[in-house]
Amino acid sequence: MNPEEAQRMERDAVQQKIDEMQQEIEEQRALLEEKAREIAELKKLFNDSGEAAGQAFRGPHEHGKDSLEEVYEIVSGLEKYTTEEVLFYAAQILSELMDTKDVAIYTVANRDYARLCSATSQEARRLGNSIKYTAMGEIYDTLKNGRIYMNMSMAEEFPLMASAVYDHEEIRVFLMFWGIPSERMTQREIKRLTVIEMLLQNAILRASRYMATFRRQRYMEGTNVLNEEAFTILVNAFLEAKEKGLTECALVEVDMGYESYDDVSTQVACNIRQTDYMGLMKGEKLYILLANTDLKNAEVVQERLRKLGYESTLKEDVA
């Protein structure tokens, strides 16, 4: 290598480092601008409602957190999670801030149905893994008009409170709450949830959009199988959330025999749900991540695979 080539390579390396630093600066600037918007929106909420919204966080309280600063600090804890994890731990944060152990988050799948993403208890799973939200009567009518639903009749078949996160004018995510005592079913609780939702909505919306496009950007070319890096990250996020009781899932390793993963995956795809994931791990071994699936239902999937001619094994982890 002559001196001129060495100098050119050195300049290129320096320029690459500069470009990386500029990109990091731009990312930090964008984050600061987003925080500024959140604060501006919060101030507007307080101004529009006098001091009433702020009173939802001023003590003394019999429940929840006592100050807006403490609430903001807890919400900011979402920043330590990867985008794949946010919707799981948002449920945990909502549970803490609303002082109830029963919280569920549903993400919209289409114009009629939403699918359970995370839940903090079995009680919060009572509506099932899928809901036809357009048929939920008063709940849907209230949420689509931008208001928070409160179950004043305490009807057991409905959540006690519900809220929605919007993407422009369309509902993207449903937040549902049970386990709230009747004495807390007040306008003050509605204002409290309004502020909490405002603080969480950007993170929830980003995660929802990300997961909606997660598959098609990470498929192995010409297949419906996720690449090893993306699939491993996703599996770890699900399994860790499962360990914390925030979701149910099952990981299945498929014995492909002498077939290629693209041939096997084509046949398997018709026997799993759209909410399930197929991907490669451990040197092109094919796995299926069954979302919101307990052991009994995982065994049903295994039986379907067996009828296709494929044996499979349930895995506890990715080790």
C-alpha atoms as a PDB file:
ATOM      1  CA  MET A   1       0.000   0.000   0.000  1.00  0.00           C
ATOM      2  CA  ASN A   2       1.498   3.312  -1.049  1.00  0.00           C
ATOM      3  CA  PRO A   3       1.450   6.429   1.198  1.00  0.00           C
ATOM      4  CA  GLU A   4      -1.355   8.048  -0.822  1.00  0.00           C
ATOM      5  CA  GLU A   5      -3.651   5.042  -0.383  1.00  0.00           C
ATOM      6  CA  ALA A   6      -2.847   4.906   3.345  1.00  0.00           C
ATOM      7  CA  GLN A   7      -3.719   8.584   3.743  1.00  0.00           C
ATOM      8  CA  ARG A   8      -6.964   8.100   1.844  1.00  0.00           C
ATOM      9  CA  MET A   9      -7.950   5.169   4.058  1.00  0.00           C
ATOM     10  CA  GLU A  10      -7.130   7.197   7.156  1.00  0.00           C
ATOM     11  CA  ARG A  11      -9.247  10.124   5.905  1.00  0.00           C
ATOM     12  CA  ASP A  12     -12.131   7.745   5.162  1.00  0.00           C
ATOM     13  CA  ALA A  13     -11.922   6.275   8.671  1.00  0.00           C
ATOM     14  CA  VAL A  14     -11.912   9.747  10.230  1.00  0.00           C
ATOM     15  CA  GLN A  15     -14.870  10.817   8.069  1.00  0.00           C
ATOM     16  CA  GLN A  16     -16.801   7.703   9.047  1.00  0.00           C
ATOM     17  CA  LYS A  17     -16.204   8.490  12.730  1.00  0.00           C
ATOM     18  CA  ILE A  18     -17.386  12.077  12.181  1.00  0.00           C
ATOM     19  CA  ASP A  19     -20.510  10.831  10.411  1.00  0.00           C
ATOM     20  CA  GLU A  20     -21.266   8.448  13.289  1.00  0.00           C
ATOM     21  CA  MET A  21     -20.845  11.250  15.839  1.00  0.00           C
ATOM     22  CA  GLN A  22     -23.114  13.555  13.840  1.00  0.00           C
ATOM     23  CA  GLN A  23     -25.753  10.844  13.631  1.00  0.00           C
ATOM     24  CA  GLU A  24     -25.580  10.340  17.408  1.00  0.00           C
ATOM     25  CA  ILE A  25     -25.931  14.104  17.939  1.00  0.00           C
ATOM     26  CA  GLU A  26     -28.981  14.181  15.648  1.00  0.00           C
ATOM     27  CA  GLU A  27     -30.565  11.291  17.541  1.00  0.00           C
ATOM     28  CA  GLN A  28     -29.999  13.058  20.862  1.00  0.00           C
ATOM     29  CA  ARG A  29     -31.411  16.298  19.448  1.00  0.00           C
ATOM     30  CA  ALA A  30     -34.514  14.455  18.234  1.00  0.00           C
ATOM     31  CA  LEU A  31     -34.968  12.890  21.694  1.00  0.00           C
ATOM     32  CA  LEU A  32     -34.686  16.283  23.408  1.00  0.00           C
ATOM     33  CA  GLU A  33     -37.189  17.804  20.977  1.00  0.00           C
ATOM     34  CA  GLU A  34     -39.609  14.985  21.721  1.00  0.00           C
ATOM     35  CA  LYS A  35     -39.259  15.559  25.466  1.00  0.00           C
ATOM     36  CA  ALA A  36     -39.905  19.270  24.910  1.00  0.00           C
ATOM     37  CA  ARG A  37     -43.085  18.442  22.991  1.00  0.00           C
ATOM     38  CA  GLU A  38     -44.246  16.143  25.792  1.00  0.00           C
ATOM     39  CA  ILE A  39     -43.746  18.904  28.362  1.00  0.00           C
ATOM     40  CA  ALA A  40     -45.513  21.456  26.142  1.00  0.00           C
ATOM     41  CA  GLU A  41     -48.469  19.105  25.668  1.00  0.00           C
ATOM     42  CA  LEU A  42     -48.627  18.467  29.389  1.00  0.00           C
ATOM     43  CA  LYS A  43     -48.623  22.196  30.161  1.00  0.00           C
ATOM     44  CA  LYS A  44     -51.384  22.697  27.600  1.00  0.00           C
ATOM     45  CA  LEU A  45     -53.440  19.999  29.287  1.00  0.00           C
ATOM     46  CA  PHE A  46     -53.057  21.746  32.628  1.00  0.00           C
ATOM     47  CA  ASN A  47     -53.916  25.147  31.132  1.00  0.00           C
ATOM     48  CA  ASP A  48     -56.963  23.771  29.303  1.00  0.00           C
ATOM     49  CA  SER A  49     -58.331  22.191  32.456  1.00  0.00           C
ATOM     50  CA  GLY A  50     -57.256  24.831  34.958  1.00  0.00           C
ATOM     51  CA  GLU A  51     -55.390  23.147  37.801  1.00  0.00           C
ATOM     52  CA  ALA A  52     -57.754  20.175  37.918  1.00  0.00           C
ATOM     53  CA  ALA A  53     -55.497  17.765  36.046  1.00  0.00           C
ATOM     54  CA  GLY A  54     -52.545  18.663  38.221  1.00  0.00           C
ATOM     55  CA  GLN A  55     -54.582  17.956  41.339  1.00  0.00           C
ATOM     56  CA  ALA A  56     -54.663  14.281  40.303  1.00  0.00           C
ATOM     57  CA  PHE A  57     -51.010  14.091  41.418  1.00  0.00           C
ATOM     58  CA  ARG A  58     -51.049  16.281  44.479  1.00  0.00           C
ATOM     59  CA  GLY A  59     -51.156  14.618  47.873  1.00  0.00           C
ATOM     60  CA  PRO A  60     -52.057  13.297  50.113  1.00  0.00           C
ATOM     61  CA  HIS A  61     -53.300  10.193  48.208  1.00  0.00           C
ATOM     62  CA  GLU A  62     -54.603   6.880  49.318  1.00  0.00           C
ATOM     63  CA  HIS A  63     -53.174   5.288  46.171  1.00  0.00           C
ATOM     64  CA  GLY A  64     -50.707   5.827  43.376  1.00  0.00           C
ATOM     65  CA  LYS A  65     -47.819   8.263  43.187  1.00  0.00           C
ATOM     66  CA  ASP A  66     -48.021  11.628  44.875  1.00  0.00           C
ATOM     67  CA  SER A  67     -46.283  13.958  42.447  1.00  0.00           C
ATOM     68  CA  LEU A  68     -46.147  14.613  38.744  1.00  0.00           C
ATOM     69  CA  GLU A  69     -42.351  14.557  38.951  1.00  0.00           C
ATOM     70  CA  GLU A  70     -42.416  11.041  40.401  1.00  0.00           C
ATOM     71  CA  VAL A  71     -44.846   9.898  37.707  1.00  0.00           C
ATOM     72  CA  TYR A  72     -42.657  11.372  34.976  1.00  0.00           C
ATOM     73  CA  GLU A  73     -39.614   9.608  36.432  1.00  0.00           C
ATOM     74  CA  ILE A  74     -41.410   6.241  36.414  1.00  0.00           C
ATOM     75  CA  VAL A  75     -42.640   6.742  32.845  1.00  0.00           C
ATOM     76  CA  SER A  76     -39.114   7.661  31.758  1.00  0.00           C
ATOM     77  CA  GLY A  77     -38.075   4.194  32.903  1.00  0.00           C
ATOM     78  CA  LEU A  78     -39.435   2.862  29.610  1.00  0.00           C
ATOM     79  CA  GLU A  79     -36.400   4.352  27.878  1.00  0.00           C
ATOM     80  CA  LYS A  80     -34.152   1.580  29.213  1.00  0.00           C
ATOM     81  CA  TYR A  81     -36.096  -1.066  27.272  1.00  0.00           C
ATOM     82  CA  THR A  82     -35.641  -2.006  23.637  1.00  0.00           C
ATOM     83  CA  THR A  83     -38.477  -1.236  21.246  1.00  0.00           C
ATOM     84  CA  GLU A  84     -39.436  -4.940  21.245  1.00  0.00           C
ATOM     85  CA  GLU A  85     -39.930  -4.764  25.036  1.00  0.00           C
ATOM     86  CA  VAL A  86     -41.806  -1.474  25.436  1.00  0.00           C
ATOM     87  CA  LEU A  87     -45.365  -2.788  25.075  1.00  0.00           C
ATOM     88  CA  PHE A  88     -44.712  -5.449  27.720  1.00  0.00           C
ATOM     89  CA  TYR A  89     -43.276  -3.098  30.328  1.00  0.00           C
ATOM     90  CA  ALA A  90     -45.729  -0.298  29.576  1.00  0.00           C
ATOM     91  CA  ALA A  91     -48.358  -2.582  31.127  1.00  0.00           C
ATOM     92  CA  GLN A  92     -46.207  -2.934  34.236  1.00  0.00           C
ATOM     93  CA  ILE A  93     -45.750   0.836  34.495  1.00  0.00           C
ATOM     94  CA  LEU A  94     -49.476   1.470  34.015  1.00  0.00           C
ATOM     95  CA  SER A  95     -50.172  -1.055  36.766  1.00  0.00           C
ATOM     96  CA  GLU A  96     -47.876   0.814  39.152  1.00  0.00           C
ATOM     97  CA  LEU A  97     -49.121   4.300  38.306  1.00  0.00           C
ATOM     98  CA  MET A  98     -52.828   3.413  38.341  1.00  0.00           C
ATOM     99  CA  ASP A  99     -52.373   1.299  41.476  1.00  0.00           C
ATOM    100  CA  THR A 100     -54.028  -1.830  40.113  1.00  0.00           C
ATOM    101  CA  LYS A 101     -52.551  -5.250  39.442  1.00  0.00           C
ATOM    102  CA  ASP A 102     -54.874  -5.830  36.475  1.00  0.00           C
ATOM    103  CA  VAL A 103     -53.830  -4.072  33.250  1.00  0.00           C
ATOM    104  CA  ALA A 104     -54.035  -5.273  29.641  1.00  0.00           C
ATOM    105  CA  ILE A 105     -52.670  -3.757  26.436  1.00  0.00           C
ATOM    106  CA  TYR A 106     -54.265  -4.665  23.092  1.00  0.00           C
ATOM    107  CA  THR A 107     -52.836  -3.626  19.723  1.00  0.00           C
ATOM    108  CA  VAL A 108     -55.134  -3.104  16.738  1.00  0.00           C
ATOM    109  CA  ALA A 109     -54.776  -5.776  14.053  1.00  0.00           C
ATOM    110  CA  ASN A 110     -57.360  -4.414  11.594  1.00  0.00           C
ATOM    111  CA  ARG A 111     -60.486  -2.271  11.533  1.00  0.00           C
ATOM    112  CA  ASP A 112     -62.430  -4.714  13.707  1.00  0.00           C
ATOM    113  CA  TYR A 113     -60.053  -6.724  15.871  1.00  0.00           C
ATOM    114  CA  ALA A 114     -57.294  -6.075  18.393  1.00  0.00           C
ATOM    115  CA  ARG A 115     -54.913  -8.643  19.853  1.00  0.00           C
ATOM    116  CA  LEU A 116     -53.645  -8.956  23.395  1.00  0.00           C
ATOM    117  CA  CYS A 117     -50.036  -7.835  23.642  1.00  0.00           C
ATOM    118  CA  SER A 118     -49.416  -7.875  27.385  1.00  0.00           C
ATOM    119  CA  ALA A 119     -51.273  -8.284  30.653  1.00  0.00           C
ATOM    120  CA  THR A 120     -50.236  -8.045  34.289  1.00  0.00           C
ATOM    121  CA  SER A 121     -52.615 -10.717  35.652  1.00  0.00           C
ATOM    122  CA  GLN A 122     -55.022 -13.478  34.698  1.00  0.00           C
ATOM    123  CA  GLU A 123     -57.887 -11.143  35.557  1.00  0.00           C
ATOM    124  CA  ALA A 124     -56.597  -8.713  32.928  1.00  0.00           C
ATOM    125  CA  ARG A 125     -56.743 -11.529  30.344  1.00  0.00           C
ATOM    126  CA  ARG A 126     -60.444 -12.112  30.859  1.00  0.00           C
ATOM    127  CA  LEU A 127     -61.426 -10.636  27.461  1.00  0.00           C
ATOM    128  CA  GLY A 128     -59.202 -13.196  25.718  1.00  0.00           C
ATOM    129  CA  ASN A 129     -56.369 -13.013  23.231  1.00  0.00           C
ATOM    130  CA  SER A 130     -58.473 -11.233  20.614  1.00  0.00           C
ATOM    131  CA  ILE A 131     -61.322  -8.736  20.877  1.00  0.00           C
ATOM    132  CA  LYS A 132     -63.731  -7.361  18.291  1.00  0.00           C
ATOM    133  CA  TYR A 133     -63.458  -3.832  19.557  1.00  0.00           C
ATOM    134  CA  THR A 134     -65.992  -2.377  17.107  1.00  0.00           C
ATOM    135  CA  ALA A 135     -68.636  -4.559  18.795  1.00  0.00           C
ATOM    136  CA  MET A 136     -67.853  -3.371  22.322  1.00  0.00           C
ATOM    137  CA  GLY A 137     -70.690  -0.850  22.364  1.00  0.00           C
ATOM    138  CA  GLU A 138     -70.261   1.946  24.888  1.00  0.00           C
ATOM    139  CA  ILE A 139     -66.549   1.253  25.355  1.00  0.00           C
ATOM    140  CA  TYR A 140     -65.772   1.693  21.655  1.00  0.00           C
ATOM    141  CA  ASP A 141     -68.121   4.642  21.242  1.00  0.00           C
ATOM    142  CA  THR A 142     -66.448   6.439  24.151  1.00  0.00           C
ATOM    143  CA  LEU A 143     -62.886   5.726  23.041  1.00  0.00           C
ATOM    144  CA  LYS A 144     -63.367   6.579  19.378  1.00  0.00           C
ATOM    145  CA  ASN A 145     -64.626  10.005  20.498  1.00  0.00           C
ATOM    146  CA  GLY A 146     -61.352  10.602  22.327  1.00  0.00           C
ATOM    147  CA  ARG A 147     -62.664  10.103  25.863  1.00  0.00           C
ATOM    148  CA  ILE A 148     -61.711   7.700  28.634  1.00  0.00           C
ATOM    149  CA  TYR A 149     -64.228   4.966  29.374  1.00  0.00           C
ATOM    150  CA  MET A 150     -65.323   4.411  32.967  1.00  0.00           C
ATOM    151  CA  ASN A 151     -67.538   1.446  33.879  1.00  0.00           C
ATOM    152  CA  MET A 152     -69.804   3.235  36.362  1.00  0.00           C
ATOM    153  CA  SER A 153     -72.188   0.262  36.592  1.00  0.00           C
ATOM    154  CA  MET A 154     -69.206  -1.989  37.517  1.00  0.00           C
ATOM    155  CA  ALA A 155     -70.422  -4.545  34.938  1.00  0.00           C
ATOM    156  CA  GLU A 156     -68.211  -7.635  35.306  1.00  0.00           C
ATOM    157  CA  GLU A 157     -67.975  -8.349  31.581  1.00  0.00           C
ATOM    158  CA  PHE A 158     -66.200  -5.041  30.882  1.00  0.00           C
ATOM    159  CA  PRO A 159     -62.990  -3.419  32.150  1.00  0.00           C
ATOM    160  CA  LEU A 160     -63.500  -0.798  34.844  1.00  0.00           C
ATOM    161  CA  MET A 161     -61.550   1.785  32.842  1.00  0.00           C
ATOM    162  CA  ALA A 162     -60.237   1.916  29.287  1.00  0.00           C
ATOM    163  CA  SER A 163     -58.245   4.340  27.217  1.00  0.00           C
ATOM    164  CA  ALA A 164     -56.895   4.456  23.660  1.00  0.00           C
ATOM    165  CA  VAL A 165     -53.677   5.613  22.006  1.00  0.00           C
ATOM    166  CA  TYR A 166     -54.218   7.159  18.578  1.00  0.00           C
ATOM    167  CA  ASP A 167     -52.109   7.285  15.440  1.00  0.00           C
ATOM    168  CA  HIS A 168     -53.471  10.480  13.884  1.00  0.00           C
ATOM    169  CA  GLU A 169     -57.248   9.834  14.067  1.00  0.00           C
ATOM    170  CA  GLU A 170     -57.111   6.039  14.197  1.00  0.00           C
ATOM    171  CA  ILE A 171     -56.992   3.984  17.400  1.00  0.00           C
ATOM    172  CA  ARG A 172     -53.745   2.024  17.501  1.00  0.00           C
ATOM    173  CA  VAL A 173     -53.630   0.644  21.064  1.00  0.00           C
ATOM    174  CA  PHE A 174     -56.201  -0.093  23.790  1.00  0.00           C
ATOM    175  CA  LEU A 175     -55.302   0.221  27.492  1.00  0.00           C
ATOM    176  CA  MET A 176     -57.681  -1.640  29.840  1.00  0.00           C
ATOM    177  CA  PHE A 177     -57.888  -1.670  33.625  1.00  0.00           C
ATOM    178  CA  TRP A 178     -59.593  -3.847  36.233  1.00  0.00           C
ATOM    179  CA  GLY A 179     -59.177  -4.040  40.017  1.00  0.00           C
ATOM    180  CA  ILE A 180     -60.051  -0.402  40.715  1.00  0.00           C
ATOM    181  CA  PRO A 181     -62.194   0.111  43.863  1.00  0.00           C
ATOM    182  CA  SER A 182     -65.570   1.787  43.381  1.00  0.00           C
ATOM    183  CA  GLU A 183     -64.545   4.790  45.516  1.00  0.00           C
ATOM    184  CA  ARG A 184     -61.867   5.607  42.945  1.00  0.00           C
ATOM    185  CA  MET A 185     -64.269   5.635  40.006  1.00  0.00           C
ATOM    186  CA  THR A 186     -64.261   9.414  39.817  1.00  0.00           C
ATOM    187  CA  GLN A 187     -63.385  12.276  37.472  1.00  0.00           C
ATOM    188  CA  ARG A 188     -60.126  12.633  39.357  1.00  0.00           C
ATOM    189  CA  GLU A 189     -59.127   9.132  38.234  1.00  0.00           C
ATOM    190  CA  ILE A 190     -60.005  10.014  34.644  1.00  0.00           C
ATOM    191  CA  LYS A 191     -57.754  13.074  34.823  1.00  0.00           C
ATOM    192  CA  ARG A 192     -54.986  10.983  36.330  1.00  0.00           C
ATOM    193  CA  LEU A 193     -55.153   8.437  33.502  1.00  0.00           C
ATOM    194  CA  THR A 194     -55.311  11.252  30.924  1.00  0.00           C
ATOM    195  CA  VAL A 195     -51.971  12.632  32.113  1.00  0.00           C
ATOM    196  CA  ILE A 196     -50.344   9.202  32.387  1.00  0.00           C
ATOM    197  CA  GLU A 197     -51.499   8.267  28.891  1.00  0.00           C
ATOM    198  CA  MET A 198     -50.132  11.520  27.507  1.00  0.00           C
ATOM    199  CA  LEU A 199     -46.721  10.765  29.017  1.00  0.00           C
ATOM    200  CA  LEU A 200     -46.716   7.200  27.682  1.00  0.00           C
ATOM    201  CA  GLN A 201     -48.325   7.643  24.293  1.00  0.00           C
ATOM    202  CA  ASN A 202     -45.223   8.459  22.238  1.00  0.00           C
ATOM    203  CA  ALA A 203     -43.298   5.428  23.472  1.00  0.00           C
ATOM    204  CA  ILE A 204     -46.322   3.143  23.039  1.00  0.00           C
ATOM    205  CA  LEU A 205     -47.066   4.474  19.568  1.00  0.00           C
ATOM    206  CA  ARG A 206     -43.462   4.081  18.421  1.00  0.00           C
ATOM    207  CA  ALA A 207     -43.367   0.494  19.682  1.00  0.00           C
ATOM    208  CA  SER A 208     -46.710  -0.335  18.063  1.00  0.00           C
ATOM    209  CA  ARG A 209     -45.591   1.008  14.682  1.00  0.00           C
ATOM    210  CA  TYR A 210     -42.262  -0.803  14.979  1.00  0.00           C
ATOM    211  CA  MET A 211     -43.832  -4.178  15.757  1.00  0.00           C
ATOM    212  CA  ALA A 212     -46.355  -3.749  12.928  1.00  0.00           C
ATOM    213  CA  THR A 213     -43.474  -3.589  10.414  1.00  0.00           C
ATOM    214  CA  PHE A 214     -41.059  -5.866  12.288  1.00  0.00           C
ATOM    215  CA  ARG A 215     -41.542  -8.930  10.096  1.00  0.00           C
ATOM    216  CA  ARG A 216     -41.276  -7.664   6.550  1.00  0.00           C
ATOM    217  CA  GLN A 217     -38.086  -5.723   7.217  1.00  0.00           C
ATOM    218  CA  ARG A 218     -36.294  -8.733   8.746  1.00  0.00           C
ATOM    219  CA  TYR A 219     -37.390 -11.730   6.685  1.00  0.00           C
ATOM    220  CA  MET A 220     -34.821 -13.931   5.031  1.00  0.00           C
ATOM    221  CA  GLU A 221     -35.042 -13.095   1.341  1.00  0.00           C
ATOM    222  CA  GLY A 222     -37.871 -14.908  -0.422  1.00  0.00           C
ATOM    223  CA  THR A 223     -39.247 -16.455   2.802  1.00  0.00           C
ATOM    224  CA  ASN A 224     -41.553 -15.700   5.728  1.00  0.00           C
ATOM    225  CA  VAL A 225     -38.761 -16.564   8.193  1.00  0.00           C
ATOM    226  CA  LEU A 226     -37.051 -13.954  10.389  1.00  0.00           C
ATOM    227  CA  ASN A 227     -33.273 -13.768  10.307  1.00  0.00           C
ATOM    228  CA  GLU A 228     -31.343 -15.106  13.292  1.00  0.00           C
ATOM    229  CA  GLU A 229     -30.369 -11.765  14.823  1.00  0.00           C
ATOM    230  CA  ALA A 230     -33.877 -10.272  14.749  1.00  0.00           C
ATOM    231  CA  PHE A 231     -35.585 -13.476  15.849  1.00  0.00           C
ATOM    232  CA  THR A 232     -33.214 -14.033  18.775  1.00  0.00           C
ATOM    233  CA  ILE A 233     -33.829 -10.491  20.056  1.00  0.00           C
ATOM    234  CA  LEU A 234     -37.587 -11.003  19.756  1.00  0.00           C
ATOM    235  CA  VAL A 235     -37.543 -14.395  21.512  1.00  0.00           C
ATOM    236  CA  ASN A 236     -35.483 -13.010  24.401  1.00  0.00           C
ATOM    237  CA  ALA A 237     -37.922 -10.094  24.803  1.00  0.00           C
ATOM    238  CA  PHE A 238     -40.911 -12.457  24.921  1.00  0.00           C
ATOM    239  CA  LEU A 239     -39.312 -14.973  27.280  1.00  0.00           C
ATOM    240  CA  GLU A 240     -38.166 -12.297  29.730  1.00  0.00           C
ATOM    241  CA  ALA A 241     -41.639 -10.736  29.707  1.00  0.00           C
ATOM    242  CA  LYS A 242     -43.134 -14.195  30.265  1.00  0.00           C
ATOM    243  CA  GLU A 243     -40.856 -14.725  33.267  1.00  0.00           C
ATOM    244  CA  LYS A 244     -42.187 -11.473  34.733  1.00  0.00           C
ATOM    245  CA  GLY A 245     -45.809 -12.528  34.133  1.00  0.00           C
ATOM    246  CA  LEU A 246     -46.457  -9.926  31.435  1.00  0.00           C
ATOM    247  CA  THR A 247     -47.249 -12.300  28.580  1.00  0.00           C
ATOM    248  CA  GLU A 248     -47.737 -15.949  27.698  1.00  0.00           C
ATOM    249  CA  CYS A 249     -45.716 -17.548  24.922  1.00  0.00           C
ATOM    250  CA  ALA A 250     -44.131 -20.806  23.806  1.00  0.00           C
ATOM    251  CA  LEU A 251     -40.984 -21.511  21.789  1.00  0.00           C
ATOM    252  CA  VAL A 252     -41.009 -24.557  19.510  1.00  0.00           C
ATOM    253  CA  GLU A 253     -38.024 -26.009  17.653  1.00  0.00           C
ATOM    254  CA  VAL A 254     -39.017 -27.763  14.421  1.00  0.00           C
ATOM    255  CA  ASP A 255     -37.134 -30.845  13.262  1.00  0.00           C
ATOM    256  CA  MET A 256     -36.658 -30.145   9.545  1.00  0.00           C
ATOM    257  CA  GLY A 257     -34.945 -33.435   8.724  1.00  0.00           C
ATOM    258  CA  TYR A 258     -33.125 -32.958   5.428  1.00  0.00           C
ATOM    259  CA  GLU A 259     -35.425 -30.205   4.147  1.00  0.00           C
ATOM    260  CA  SER A 260     -34.495 -26.541   3.877  1.00  0.00           C
ATOM    261  CA  TYR A 261     -36.084 -23.985   6.200  1.00  0.00           C
ATOM    262  CA  ASP A 262     -37.806 -22.166   3.329  1.00  0.00           C
ATOM    263  CA  ASP A 263     -39.586 -25.377   2.211  1.00  0.00           C
ATOM    264  CA  VAL A 264     -40.634 -26.284   5.755  1.00  0.00           C
ATOM    265  CA  SER A 265     -41.745 -22.769   6.648  1.00  0.00           C
ATOM    266  CA  THR A 266     -44.053 -22.601   3.629  1.00  0.00           C
ATOM    267  CA  GLN A 267     -46.005 -25.614   4.897  1.00  0.00           C
ATOM    268  CA  VAL A 268     -45.896 -24.574   8.554  1.00  0.00           C
ATOM    269  CA  ALA A 269     -47.171 -21.036   7.881  1.00  0.00           C
ATOM    270  CA  CYS A 270     -50.699 -22.291   7.178  1.00  0.00           C
ATOM    271  CA  ASN A 271     -50.875 -23.944  10.602  1.00  0.00           C
ATOM    272  CA  ILE A 272     -49.910 -21.023  12.850  1.00  0.00           C
ATOM    273  CA  ARG A 273     -51.536 -17.644  13.473  1.00  0.00           C
ATOM    274  CA  GLN A 274     -50.572 -14.294  12.007  1.00  0.00           C
ATOM    275  CA  THR A 275     -49.468 -13.248  15.497  1.00  0.00           C
ATOM    276  CA  ASP A 276     -46.906 -16.067  15.688  1.00  0.00           C
ATOM    277  CA  TYR A 277     -43.345 -15.769  14.393  1.00  0.00           C
ATOM    278  CA  MET A 278     -41.011 -18.137  12.553  1.00  0.00           C
ATOM    279  CA  GLY A 279     -37.281 -17.575  12.638  1.00  0.00           C
ATOM    280  CA  LEU A 280     -33.814 -19.055  12.587  1.00  0.00           C
ATOM    281  CA  MET A 281     -31.536 -19.614  15.578  1.00  0.00           C
ATOM    282  CA  LYS A 282     -28.486 -21.683  16.409  1.00  0.00           C
ATOM    283  CA  GLY A 283     -27.156 -22.081  12.900  1.00  0.00           C
ATOM    284  CA  GLU A 284     -30.270 -22.117  10.713  1.00  0.00           C
ATOM    285  CA  LYS A 285     -32.476 -24.242  12.963  1.00  0.00           C
ATOM    286  CA  LEU A 286     -36.143 -23.330  12.485  1.00  0.00           C
ATOM    287  CA  TYR A 287     -38.158 -22.142  15.488  1.00  0.00           C
ATOM    288  CA  ILE A 288     -41.708 -20.912  16.020  1.00  0.00           C
ATOM    289  CA  LEU A 289     -42.535 -18.303  18.664  1.00  0.00           C
ATOM    290  CA  LEU A 290     -46.175 -18.748  19.664  1.00  0.00           C
ATOM    291  CA  ALA A 291     -47.440 -15.469  21.141  1.00  0.00           C
ATOM    292  CA  ASN A 292     -50.107 -15.491  23.866  1.00  0.00           C
ATOM    293  CA  THR A 293     -49.991 -19.280  23.996  1.00  0.00           C
ATOM    294  CA  ASP A 294     -49.950 -21.530  27.053  1.00  0.00           C
ATOM    295  CA  LEU A 295     -48.567 -25.080  27.226  1.00  0.00           C
ATOM    296  CA  LYS A 296     -51.878 -26.722  26.310  1.00  0.00           C
ATOM    297  CA  ASN A 297     -52.311 -24.674  23.132  1.00  0.00           C
ATOM    298  CA  ALA A 298     -48.642 -25.110  22.225  1.00  0.00           C
ATOM    299  CA  GLU A 299     -49.191 -28.867  22.264  1.00  0.00           C
ATOM    300  CA  VAL A 300     -52.095 -28.380  19.835  1.00  0.00           C
ATOM    301  CA  VAL A 301     -49.695 -26.662  17.426  1.00  0.00           C
ATOM    302  CA  GLN A 302     -47.195 -29.476  17.871  1.00  0.00           C
ATOM    303  CA  GLU A 303     -49.862 -31.987  16.900  1.00  0.00           C
ATOM    304  CA  ARG A 304     -50.614 -30.007  13.729  1.00  0.00           C
ATOM    305  CA  LEU A 305     -46.928 -30.083  12.857  1.00  0.00           C
ATOM    306  CA  ARG A 306     -46.837 -33.821  13.491  1.00  0.00           C
ATOM    307  CA  LYS A 307     -49.654 -34.312  10.989  1.00  0.00           C
ATOM    308  CA  LEU A 308     -47.561 -32.412   8.453  1.00  0.00           C
ATOM    309  CA  GLY A 309     -44.710 -34.823   9.112  1.00  0.00           C
ATOM    310  CA  TYR A 310     -42.593 -32.621  11.396  1.00  0.00           C
ATOM    311  CA  GLU A 311     -41.617 -33.451  14.957  1.00  0.00           C
ATOM    312  CA  SER A 312     -41.001 -30.523  17.301  1.00  0.00           C
ATOM    313  CA  THR A 313     -39.708 -29.760  20.776  1.00  0.00           C
ATOM    314  CA  LEU A 314     -40.862 -27.148  23.305  1.00  0.00           C
ATOM    315  CA  LYS A 315     -37.975 -25.020  24.537  1.00  0.00           C
ATOM    316  CA  GLU A 316     -37.779 -23.159  27.837  1.00  0.00           C
ATOM    317  CA  ASP A 317     -35.067 -20.767  26.672  1.00  0.00           C
ATOM    318  CA  VAL A 318     -32.647 -20.054  23.829  1.00  0.00           C
ATOM    319  CA  ALA A 319     -29.588 -21.574  25.546  1.00  0.00           C
END
